[in-house]
Structures are given as C-alpha cells and as structure tokens.
PDB file of N, CA and C in Angstrom:
ATOM      1  N   MET A   1      86.739  73.939-157.286  1.00  0.00           N
ATOM      2  CA  MET A   1      87.201  73.244-156.121  1.00  0.00           C
ATOM      3  C   MET A   1      86.131  72.266-155.627  1.00  0.00           C
ATOM      4  N   SER A   2      84.913  72.713-155.580  1.00  0.00           N
ATOM      5  CA  SER A   2      83.839  71.848-155.107  1.00  0.00           C
ATOM      6  C   SER A   2      83.641  70.641-156.007  1.00  0.00           C
ATOM      7  N   ARG A   3      83.654  70.857-157.292  1.00  0.00           N
ATOM      8  CA  ARG A   3      83.420  69.749-158.217  1.00  0.00           C
ATOM      9  C   ARG A   3      84.521  68.707-158.147  1.00  0.00           C
ATOM     10  N   SER A   4      85.757  69.141-157.960  1.00  0.00           N
ATOM     11  CA  SER A   4      86.853  68.188-157.803  1.00  0.00           C
ATOM     12  C   SER A   4      86.615  67.316-156.581  1.00  0.00           C
ATOM     13  N   TYR A   5      86.227  67.940-155.485  1.00  0.00           N
ATOM     14  CA  TYR A   5      85.983  67.191-154.252  1.00  0.00           C
ATOM     15  C   TYR A   5      84.813  66.234-154.421  1.00  0.00           C
ATOM     16  N   TYR A   6      83.695  66.730-154.924  1.00  0.00           N
ATOM     17  CA  TYR A   6      82.518  65.873-155.019  1.00  0.00           C
ATOM     18  C   TYR A   6      82.713  64.711-155.983  1.00  0.00           C
ATOM     19  N   ALA A   7      83.479  64.905-157.030  1.00  0.00           N
ATOM     20  CA  ALA A   7      83.769  63.797-157.945  1.00  0.00           C
ATOM     21  C   ALA A   7      84.515  62.702-157.207  1.00  0.00           C
ATOM     22  N   ALA A   8      85.500  63.075-156.418  1.00  0.00           N
ATOM     23  CA  ALA A   8      86.249  62.082-155.647  1.00  0.00           C
ATOM     24  C   ALA A   8      85.398  61.527-154.509  1.00  0.00           C
ATOM     25  N   PHE A   9      84.604  62.368-153.876  1.00  0.00           N
ATOM     26  CA  PHE A   9      83.755  61.994-152.749  1.00  0.00           C
ATOM     27  C   PHE A   9      82.803  60.856-153.116  1.00  0.00           C
ATOM     28  N   HIS A  10      82.287  60.874-154.330  1.00  0.00           N
ATOM     29  CA  HIS A  10      81.301  59.881-154.752  1.00  0.00           C
ATOM     30  C   HIS A  10      81.911  58.681-155.473  1.00  0.00           C
ATOM     31  N   ALA A  11      83.210  58.618-155.581  1.00  0.00           N
ATOM     32  CA  ALA A  11      83.841  57.590-156.410  1.00  0.00           C
ATOM     33  C   ALA A  11      83.691  56.178-155.870  1.00  0.00           C
ATOM     34  N   LEU A  12      83.746  55.950-154.574  1.00  0.00           N
ATOM     35  CA  LEU A  12      83.817  54.586-154.051  1.00  0.00           C
ATOM     36  C   LEU A  12      82.748  54.115-153.063  1.00  0.00           C
ATOM     37  N   PRO A  13      82.096  54.974-152.313  1.00  0.00           N
ATOM     38  CA  PRO A  13      81.272  54.479-151.202  1.00  0.00           C
ATOM     39  C   PRO A  13      80.245  53.416-151.571  1.00  0.00           C
ATOM     40  N   PHE A  14      79.591  53.565-152.699  1.00  0.00           N
ATOM     41  CA  PHE A  14      78.525  52.624-153.029  1.00  0.00           C
ATOM     42  C   PHE A  14      79.044  51.231-153.346  1.00  0.00           C
ATOM     43  N   SER A  15      80.330  51.098-153.671  1.00  0.00           N
ATOM     44  CA  SER A  15      80.887  49.771-153.952  1.00  0.00           C
ATOM     45  C   SER A  15      80.928  48.917-152.689  1.00  0.00           C
ATOM     46  N   ARG A  16      80.774  49.528-151.539  1.00  0.00           N
ATOM     47  CA  ARG A  16      80.744  48.805-150.267  1.00  0.00           C
ATOM     48  C   ARG A  16      79.333  48.768-149.678  1.00  0.00           C
ATOM     49  N   GLY A  17      78.358  49.261-150.428  1.00  0.00           N
ATOM     50  CA  GLY A  17      76.984  49.246-149.944  1.00  0.00           C
ATOM     51  C   GLY A  17      76.735  50.218-148.810  1.00  0.00           C
ATOM     52  N   ILE A  18      77.578  51.225-148.713  1.00  0.00           N
ATOM     53  CA  ILE A  18      77.477  52.207-147.634  1.00  0.00           C
ATOM     54  C   ILE A  18      77.396  53.594-148.250  1.00  0.00           C
ATOM     55  N   GLU A  19      76.487  54.389-147.734  1.00  0.00           N
ATOM     56  CA  GLU A  19      76.401  55.779-148.180  1.00  0.00           C
ATOM     57  C   GLU A  19      76.731  56.682-147.006  1.00  0.00           C
ATOM     58  N   PRO A  20      77.850  57.397-147.074  1.00  0.00           N
ATOM     59  CA  PRO A  20      78.197  58.281-145.961  1.00  0.00           C
ATOM     60  C   PRO A  20      77.178  59.407-145.841  1.00  0.00           C
ATOM     61  N   LYS A  21      76.899  59.786-144.606  1.00  0.00           N
ATOM     62  CA  LYS A  21      75.922  60.852-144.355  1.00  0.00           C
ATOM     63  C   LYS A  21      76.580  62.221-144.232  1.00  0.00           C
ATOM     64  N   THR A  22      77.882  62.222-143.983  1.00  0.00           N
ATOM     65  CA  THR A  22      78.602  63.487-143.824  1.00  0.00           C
ATOM     66  C   THR A  22      79.903  63.419-144.615  1.00  0.00           C
ATOM     67  N   HIS A  23      80.515  64.572-144.802  1.00  0.00           N
ATOM     68  CA  HIS A  23      81.800  64.613-145.488  1.00  0.00           C
ATOM     69  C   HIS A  23      82.877  63.944-144.640  1.00  0.00           C
ATOM     70  N   ALA A  24      82.853  64.207-143.343  1.00  0.00           N
ATOM     71  CA  ALA A  24      83.812  63.547-142.450  1.00  0.00           C
ATOM     72  C   ALA A  24      83.586  62.039-142.472  1.00  0.00           C
ATOM     73  N   GLY A  25      82.330  61.634-142.557  1.00  0.00           N
ATOM     74  CA  GLY A  25      82.009  60.213-142.635  1.00  0.00           C
ATOM     75  C   GLY A  25      82.544  59.570-143.900  1.00  0.00           C
ATOM     76  N   ALA A  26      82.537  60.297-144.997  1.00  0.00           N
ATOM     77  CA  ALA A  26      83.060  59.767-146.259  1.00  0.00           C
ATOM     78  C   ALA A  26      84.561  59.532-146.152  1.00  0.00           C
ATOM     79  N   ILE A  27      85.266  60.453-145.543  1.00  0.00           N
ATOM     80  CA  ILE A  27      86.709  60.293-145.386  1.00  0.00           C
ATOM     81  C   ILE A  27      87.005  59.162-144.401  1.00  0.00           C
ATOM     82  N   HIS A  28      86.237  59.071-143.325  1.00  0.00           N
ATOM     83  CA  HIS A  28      86.401  57.974-142.370  1.00  0.00           C
ATOM     84  C   HIS A  28      86.119  56.635-143.052  1.00  0.00           C
ATOM     85  N   LEU A  29      85.070  56.570-143.823  1.00  0.00           N
ATOM     86  CA  LEU A  29      84.721  55.350-144.544  1.00  0.00           C
ATOM     87  C   LEU A  29      85.845  54.950-145.499  1.00  0.00           C
ATOM     88  N   PHE A  30      86.361  55.905-146.230  1.00  0.00           N
ATOM     89  CA  PHE A  30      87.446  55.601-147.151  1.00  0.00           C
ATOM     90  C   PHE A  30      88.645  55.064-146.379  1.00  0.00           C
ATOM     91  N   ASN A  31      88.966  55.695-145.261  1.00  0.00           N
ATOM     92  CA  ASN A  31      90.105  55.260-144.464  1.00  0.00           C
ATOM     93  C   ASN A  31      89.896  53.839-143.939  1.00  0.00           C
ATOM     94  N   THR A  32      88.739  53.557-143.361  1.00  0.00           N
ATOM     95  CA  THR A  32      88.525  52.239-142.753  1.00  0.00           C
ATOM     96  C   THR A  32      88.301  51.140-143.788  1.00  0.00           C
ATOM     97  N   GLU A  33      87.588  51.440-144.853  1.00  0.00           N
ATOM     98  CA  GLU A  33      87.255  50.401-145.834  1.00  0.00           C
ATOM     99  C   GLU A  33      88.330  50.176-146.896  1.00  0.00           C
ATOM    100  N   PHE A  34      89.138  51.194-147.164  1.00  0.00           N
ATOM    101  CA  PHE A  34      90.064  51.089-148.292  1.00  0.00           C
ATOM    102  C   PHE A  34      91.532  51.260-147.900  1.00  0.00           C
ATOM    103  N   VAL A  35      91.842  52.259-147.073  1.00  0.00           N
ATOM    104  CA  VAL A  35      93.248  52.499-146.719  1.00  0.00           C
ATOM    105  C   VAL A  35      93.729  51.458-145.714  1.00  0.00           C
ATOM    106  N   ARG A  36      92.996  51.282-144.630  1.00  0.00           N
ATOM    107  CA  ARG A  36      93.431  50.334-143.595  1.00  0.00           C
ATOM    108  C   ARG A  36      93.477  48.895-144.101  1.00  0.00           C
ATOM    109  N   ARG A  37      92.718  48.584-145.102  1.00  0.00           N
ATOM    110  CA  ARG A  37      92.725  47.238-145.682  1.00  0.00           C
ATOM    111  C   ARG A  37      93.786  47.079-146.767  1.00  0.00           C
ATOM    112  N   GLY A  38      94.541  48.154-146.998  1.00  0.00           N
ATOM    113  CA  GLY A  38      95.630  48.090-147.959  1.00  0.00           C
ATOM    114  C   GLY A  38      95.205  48.175-149.410  1.00  0.00           C
ATOM    115  N   LEU A  39      93.976  48.598-149.665  1.00  0.00           N
ATOM    116  CA  LEU A  39      93.474  48.691-151.031  1.00  0.00           C
ATOM    117  C   LEU A  39      93.891  49.988-151.708  1.00  0.00           C
ATOM    118  N   PHE A  40      94.108  51.028-150.912  1.00  0.00           N
ATOM    119  CA  PHE A  40      94.552  52.326-151.411  1.00  0.00           C
ATOM    120  C   PHE A  40      95.618  52.872-150.469  1.00  0.00           C
ATOM    121  N   SER A  41      96.507  53.671-151.007  1.00  0.00           N
ATOM    122  CA  SER A  41      97.561  54.303-150.232  1.00  0.00           C
ATOM    123  C   SER A  41      96.972  55.362-149.303  1.00  0.00           C
ATOM    124  N   SER A  42      97.640  55.582-148.183  1.00  0.00           N
ATOM    125  CA  SER A  42      97.184  56.628-147.258  1.00  0.00           C
ATOM    126  C   SER A  42      97.291  58.017-147.891  1.00  0.00           C
ATOM    127  N   SER A  43      98.105  58.142-148.944  1.00  0.00           N
ATOM    128  CA  SER A  43      98.192  59.438-149.621  1.00  0.00           C
ATOM    129  C   SER A  43      96.843  59.819-150.227  1.00  0.00           C
ATOM    130  N   HIS A  44      96.041  58.836-150.574  1.00  0.00           N
ATOM    131  CA  HIS A  44      94.707  59.124-151.104  1.00  0.00           C
ATOM    132  C   HIS A  44      93.797  59.686-150.022  1.00  0.00           C
ATOM    133  N   ASN A  45      93.973  59.228-148.801  1.00  0.00           N
ATOM    134  CA  ASN A  45      93.204  59.771-147.685  1.00  0.00           C
ATOM    135  C   ASN A  45      93.547  61.243-147.486  1.00  0.00           C
ATOM    136  N   ARG A  46      94.841  61.556-147.584  1.00  0.00           N
ATOM    137  CA  ARG A  46      95.268  62.967-147.476  1.00  0.00           C
ATOM    138  C   ARG A  46      94.718  63.793-148.634  1.00  0.00           C
ATOM    139  N   LEU A  47      94.684  63.205-149.825  1.00  0.00           N
ATOM    140  CA  LEU A  47      94.137  63.907-150.979  1.00  0.00           C
ATOM    141  C   LEU A  47      92.672  64.262-150.746  1.00  0.00           C
ATOM    142  N   LEU A  48      91.879  63.293-150.271  1.00  0.00           N
ATOM    143  CA  LEU A  48      90.463  63.572-150.007  1.00  0.00           C
ATOM    144  C   LEU A  48      90.304  64.650-148.939  1.00  0.00           C
ATOM    145  N   GLY A  49      91.129  64.578-147.894  1.00  0.00           N
ATOM    146  CA  GLY A  49      91.074  65.607-146.852  1.00  0.00           C
ATOM    147  C   GLY A  49      91.409  66.980-147.404  1.00  0.00           C
ATOM    148  N   GLY A  50      92.420  67.052-148.263  1.00  0.00           N
ATOM    149  CA  GLY A  50      92.791  68.317-148.887  1.00  0.00           C
ATOM    150  C   GLY A  50      91.706  68.844-149.800  1.00  0.00           C
ATOM    151  N   LEU A  51      91.098  67.944-150.565  1.00  0.00           N
ATOM    152  CA  LEU A  51      89.992  68.353-151.436  1.00  0.00           C
ATOM    153  C   LEU A  51      88.819  68.869-150.615  1.00  0.00           C
ATOM    154  N   GLN A  52      88.555  68.208-149.486  1.00  0.00           N
ATOM    155  CA  GLN A  52      87.456  68.651-148.627  1.00  0.00           C
ATOM    156  C   GLN A  52      87.738  70.043-148.071  1.00  0.00           C
ATOM    157  N   ARG A  53      88.959  70.268-147.593  1.00  0.00           N
ATOM    158  CA  ARG A  53      89.303  71.590-147.045  1.00  0.00           C
ATOM    159  C   ARG A  53      89.197  72.680-148.116  1.00  0.00           C
ATOM    160  N   ALA A  54      89.684  72.381-149.312  1.00  0.00           N
ATOM    161  CA  ALA A  54      89.603  73.366-150.399  1.00  0.00           C
ATOM    162  C   ALA A  54      88.149  73.650-150.756  1.00  0.00           C
ATOM    163  N   ARG A  55      87.320  72.621-150.763  1.00  0.00           N
ATOM    164  CA  ARG A  55      85.896  72.805-151.063  1.00  0.00           C
ATOM    165  C   ARG A  55      85.244  73.701-150.023  1.00  0.00           C
ATOM    166  N   GLU A  56      85.527  73.438-148.762  1.00  0.00           N
ATOM    167  CA  GLU A  56      84.932  74.258-147.703  1.00  0.00           C
ATOM    168  C   GLU A  56      85.355  75.719-147.820  1.00  0.00           C
ATOM    169  N   LEU A  57      86.631  75.946-148.088  1.00  0.00           N
ATOM    170  CA  LEU A  57      87.100  77.322-148.275  1.00  0.00           C
ATOM    171  C   LEU A  57      86.428  77.969-149.483  1.00  0.00           C
ATOM    172  N   ALA A  58      86.352  77.235-150.587  1.00  0.00           N
ATOM    173  CA  ALA A  58      85.760  77.792-151.803  1.00  0.00           C
ATOM    174  C   ALA A  58      84.276  78.096-151.612  1.00  0.00           C
ATOM    175  N   ASP A  59      83.580  77.232-150.891  1.00  0.00           N
ATOM    176  CA  ASP A  59      82.137  77.391-150.737  1.00  0.00           C
ATOM    177  C   ASP A  59      81.731  78.362-149.631  1.00  0.00           C
ATOM    178  N   TYR A  60      82.565  78.480-148.582  1.00  0.00           N
ATOM    179  CA  TYR A  60      82.108  79.212-147.400  1.00  0.00           C
ATOM    180  C   TYR A  60      82.969  80.392-146.979  1.00  0.00           C
ATOM    181  N   ASP A  61      84.102  80.604-147.605  1.00  0.00           N
ATOM    182  CA  ASP A  61      84.967  81.708-147.192  1.00  0.00           C
ATOM    183  C   ASP A  61      85.202  82.639-148.371  1.00  0.00           C
ATOM    184  N   ALA A  62      84.416  83.703-148.414  1.00  0.00           N
ATOM    185  CA  ALA A  62      84.484  84.638-149.540  1.00  0.00           C
ATOM    186  C   ALA A  62      85.831  85.354-149.628  1.00  0.00           C
ATOM    187  N   ALA A  63      86.589  85.349-148.545  1.00  0.00           N
ATOM    188  CA  ALA A  63      87.880  86.035-148.548  1.00  0.00           C
ATOM    189  C   ALA A  63      88.976  85.206-149.212  1.00  0.00           C
ATOM    190  N   VAL A  64      88.706  83.940-149.456  1.00  0.00           N
ATOM    191  CA  VAL A  64      89.715  83.062-150.055  1.00  0.00           C
ATOM    192  C   VAL A  64      89.525  83.033-151.565  1.00  0.00           C
ATOM    193  N   ALA A  65      90.621  83.223-152.259  1.00  0.00           N
ATOM    194  CA  ALA A  65      90.603  83.141-153.724  1.00  0.00           C
ATOM    195  C   ALA A  65      91.606  82.078-154.151  1.00  0.00           C
ATOM    196  N   PHE A  66      91.199  81.233-155.069  1.00  0.00           N
ATOM    197  CA  PHE A  66      92.081  80.199-155.594  1.00  0.00           C
ATOM    198  C   PHE A  66      92.550  80.618-156.985  1.00  0.00           C
ATOM    199  N   SER A  67      93.793  80.336-157.255  1.00  0.00           N
ATOM    200  CA  SER A  67      94.328  80.635-158.579  1.00  0.00           C
ATOM    201  C   SER A  67      93.923  79.526-159.545  1.00  0.00           C
ATOM    202  N   VAL A  68      94.108  79.795-160.816  1.00  0.00           N
ATOM    203  CA  VAL A  68      93.859  78.781-161.834  1.00  0.00           C
ATOM    204  C   VAL A  68      94.752  77.570-161.571  1.00  0.00           C
ATOM    205  N   GLU A  69      95.975  77.831-161.151  1.00  0.00           N
ATOM    206  CA  GLU A  69      96.912  76.745-160.854  1.00  0.00           C
ATOM    207  C   GLU A  69      96.426  75.909-159.678  1.00  0.00           C
ATOM    208  N   ASP A  70      95.869  76.558-158.640  1.00  0.00           N
ATOM    209  CA  ASP A  70      95.321  75.829-157.493  1.00  0.00           C
ATOM    210  C   ASP A  70      94.184  74.916-157.938  1.00  0.00           C
ATOM    211  N   ALA A  71      93.283  75.471-158.722  1.00  0.00           N
ATOM    212  CA  ALA A  71      92.147  74.691-159.193  1.00  0.00           C
ATOM    213  C   ALA A  71      92.599  73.533-160.087  1.00  0.00           C
ATOM    214  N   ALA A  72      93.573  73.789-160.947  1.00  0.00           N
ATOM    215  CA  ALA A  72      94.090  72.735-161.824  1.00  0.00           C
ATOM    216  C   ALA A  72      94.739  71.622-161.009  1.00  0.00           C
ATOM    217  N   ALA A  73      95.463  71.973-159.969  1.00  0.00           N
ATOM    218  CA  ALA A  73      96.100  70.960-159.127  1.00  0.00           C
ATOM    219  C   ALA A  73      95.058  70.098-158.426  1.00  0.00           C
ATOM    220  N   GLU A  74      93.999  70.729-157.909  1.00  0.00           N
ATOM    221  CA  GLU A  74      92.934  69.966-157.254  1.00  0.00           C
ATOM    222  C   GLU A  74      92.226  69.064-158.264  1.00  0.00           C
ATOM    223  N   LEU A  75      91.959  69.591-159.433  1.00  0.00           N
ATOM    224  CA  LEU A  75      91.297  68.803-160.471  1.00  0.00           C
ATOM    225  C   LEU A  75      92.163  67.624-160.888  1.00  0.00           C
ATOM    226  N   ASN A  76      93.456  67.845-161.054  1.00  0.00           N
ATOM    227  CA  ASN A  76      94.355  66.753-161.431  1.00  0.00           C
ATOM    228  C   ASN A  76      94.406  65.683-160.350  1.00  0.00           C
ATOM    229  N   GLY A  77      94.436  66.102-159.086  1.00  0.00           N
ATOM    230  CA  GLY A  77      94.412  65.138-157.991  1.00  0.00           C
ATOM    231  C   GLY A  77      93.130  64.329-157.985  1.00  0.00           C
ATOM    232  N   ALA A  78      92.011  65.003-158.182  1.00  0.00           N
ATOM    233  CA  ALA A  78      90.725  64.305-158.220  1.00  0.00           C
ATOM    234  C   ALA A  78      90.662  63.344-159.402  1.00  0.00           C
ATOM    235  N   ARG A  79      91.147  63.765-160.552  1.00  0.00           N
ATOM    236  CA  ARG A  79      91.153  62.883-161.725  1.00  0.00           C
ATOM    237  C   ARG A  79      91.987  61.635-161.487  1.00  0.00           C
ATOM    238  N   ALA A  80      93.167  61.799-160.885  1.00  0.00           N
ATOM    239  CA  ALA A  80      94.029  60.647-160.605  1.00  0.00           C
ATOM    240  C   ALA A  80      93.342  59.707-159.619  1.00  0.00           C
ATOM    241  N   PHE A  81      92.712  60.269-158.592  1.00  0.00           N
ATOM    242  CA  PHE A  81      92.001  59.459-157.616  1.00  0.00           C
ATOM    243  C   PHE A  81      90.857  58.696-158.284  1.00  0.00           C
ATOM    244  N   ILE A  82      90.087  59.386-159.098  1.00  0.00           N
ATOM    245  CA  ILE A  82      88.938  58.759-159.759  1.00  0.00           C
ATOM    246  C   ILE A  82      89.394  57.659-160.709  1.00  0.00           C
ATOM    247  N   ALA A  83      90.482  57.897-161.437  1.00  0.00           N
ATOM    248  CA  ALA A  83      91.006  56.863-162.343  1.00  0.00           C
ATOM    249  C   ALA A  83      91.384  55.617-161.557  1.00  0.00           C
ATOM    250  N   GLU A  84      92.020  55.797-160.415  1.00  0.00           N
ATOM    251  CA  GLU A  84      92.394  54.651-159.592  1.00  0.00           C
ATOM    252  C   GLU A  84      91.152  53.978-158.995  1.00  0.00           C
ATOM    253  N   ALA A  85      90.174  54.781-158.606  1.00  0.00           N
ATOM    254  CA  ALA A  85      88.940  54.222-158.061  1.00  0.00           C
ATOM    255  C   ALA A  85      88.204  53.408-159.124  1.00  0.00           C
ATOM    256  N   ILE A  86      88.153  53.908-160.346  1.00  0.00           N
ATOM    257  CA  ILE A  86      87.489  53.181-161.428  1.00  0.00           C
ATOM    258  C   ILE A  86      88.224  51.875-161.711  1.00  0.00           C
ATOM    259  N   ALA A  87      89.556  51.924-161.736  1.00  0.00           N
ATOM    260  CA  ALA A  87      90.331  50.704-161.952  1.00  0.00           C
ATOM    261  C   ALA A  87      90.062  49.692-160.845  1.00  0.00           C
ATOM    262  N   PHE A  88      89.987  50.167-159.606  1.00  0.00           N
ATOM    263  CA  PHE A  88      89.680  49.289-158.475  1.00  0.00           C
ATOM    264  C   PHE A  88      88.292  48.665-158.637  1.00  0.00           C
ATOM    265  N   MET A  89      87.292  49.508-158.945  1.00  0.00           N
ATOM    266  CA  MET A  89      85.931  48.991-159.089  1.00  0.00           C
ATOM    267  C   MET A  89      85.818  48.043-160.272  1.00  0.00           C
ATOM    268  N   ASP A  90      86.595  48.271-161.317  1.00  0.00           N
ATOM    269  CA  ASP A  90      86.630  47.359-162.453  1.00  0.00           C
ATOM    270  C   ASP A  90      87.178  46.002-162.006  1.00  0.00           C
ATOM    271  N   ARG A  91      88.287  46.005-161.266  1.00  0.00           N
ATOM    272  CA  ARG A  91      88.862  44.754-160.760  1.00  0.00           C
ATOM    273  C   ARG A  91      87.887  44.021-159.850  1.00  0.00           C
ATOM    274  N   GLU A  92      87.099  44.772-159.103  1.00  0.00           N
ATOM    275  CA  GLU A  92      86.128  44.188-158.175  1.00  0.00           C
ATOM    276  C   GLU A  92      84.835  43.759-158.876  1.00  0.00           C
ATOM    277  N   GLY A  93      84.711  44.093-160.155  1.00  0.00           N
ATOM    278  CA  GLY A  93      83.515  43.724-160.913  1.00  0.00           C
ATOM    279  C   GLY A  93      82.345  44.666-160.782  1.00  0.00           C
ATOM    280  N   TRP A  94      82.582  45.884-160.284  1.00  0.00           N
ATOM    281  CA  TRP A  94      81.515  46.851-160.087  1.00  0.00           C
ATOM    282  C   TRP A  94      81.228  47.667-161.342  1.00  0.00           C
ATOM    283  N   VAL A  95      82.231  47.870-162.178  1.00  0.00           N
ATOM    284  CA  VAL A  95      82.052  48.622-163.419  1.00  0.00           C
ATOM    285  C   VAL A  95      82.806  47.920-164.521  1.00  0.00           C
ATOM    286  N   ALA A  96      82.404  48.178-165.732  1.00  0.00           N
ATOM    287  CA  ALA A  96      83.138  47.672-166.899  1.00  0.00           C
ATOM    288  C   ALA A  96      83.990  48.793-167.431  1.00  0.00           C
ATOM    289  N   SER A  97      85.206  48.475-167.814  1.00  0.00           N
ATOM    290  CA  SER A  97      86.092  49.498-168.353  1.00  0.00           C
ATOM    291  C   SER A  97      85.462  50.118-169.582  1.00  0.00           C
ATOM    292  N   SER A  98      85.486  51.451-169.607  1.00  0.00           N
ATOM    293  CA  SER A  98      84.908  52.164-170.750  1.00  0.00           C
ATOM    294  C   SER A  98      85.982  52.691-171.672  1.00  0.00           C
ATOM    295  N   GLY A  99      87.194  52.852-171.144  1.00  0.00           N
ATOM    296  CA  GLY A  99      88.277  53.400-171.940  1.00  0.00           C
ATOM    297  C   GLY A  99      88.178  54.889-172.136  1.00  0.00           C
ATOM    298  N   GLY A 100      87.164  55.549-171.529  1.00  0.00           N
ATOM    299  CA  GLY A 100      86.987  56.999-171.695  1.00  0.00           C
ATOM    300  C   GLY A 100      87.759  57.776-170.669  1.00  0.00           C
ATOM    301  N   ASP A 101      87.758  59.105-170.829  1.00  0.00           N
ATOM    302  CA  ASP A 101      88.419  59.988-169.882  1.00  0.00           C
ATOM    303  C   ASP A 101      87.629  60.049-168.601  1.00  0.00           C
ATOM    304  N   THR A 102      88.337  60.365-167.522  1.00  0.00           N
ATOM    305  CA  THR A 102      87.674  60.571-166.241  1.00  0.00           C
ATOM    306  C   THR A 102      87.525  62.035-165.983  1.00  0.00           C
TER     307      THR A 102
END
C-alpha cells in the first residue's frame, strides 16, 4: 500500500519546480497545479487521496489488514496514474518516452 502511494506521490511535483513538504501538501499541489488547470481529471485527485488513506492505515494501524485484491487494486490505480503522469511529462518535455513498464 505504501509503495503504491509513494510511487504516485512522487510522479509529478518536480515538473513544476515545487517539492511538497507534506502529504496533504502533495495532494493540494496536484489539485491546484494539475486538476484545476484541466491537465488531469479530478478522479486522479480522489485516487491520490485514497492511496494516501490506504498508506496511512497500512503504516499506522496494526488492526487493519488488506487483502491481496485490495493491494492489487491500489497498485493498478497507482500504475495507471503514473502512466498518465509519464505521458504528461513526456508531452511537456520533461522525460523521454522509454517504452518500458511503469
């Protein structure tokens, strides 16, 4: 759960020359810099929020157990987000397409 979140968490901030200092700041940054400007759908903002909540539960609540299916769903969401982020950064000239898996 944590790795899915952190992969998505680090996908875009540096393309704007901004490094969020907190997890809430990263989601706020994504919302203001990418969603409100129409560069990404608001569903991506919800995805990041969901990934953050799952990460917090996985890291700090020993009573919570995630199934393999839960983890796979979070990983798939993070992969889709990262693929879209890479495509965006490629269009913006920040990365060159590698053609590899995300």
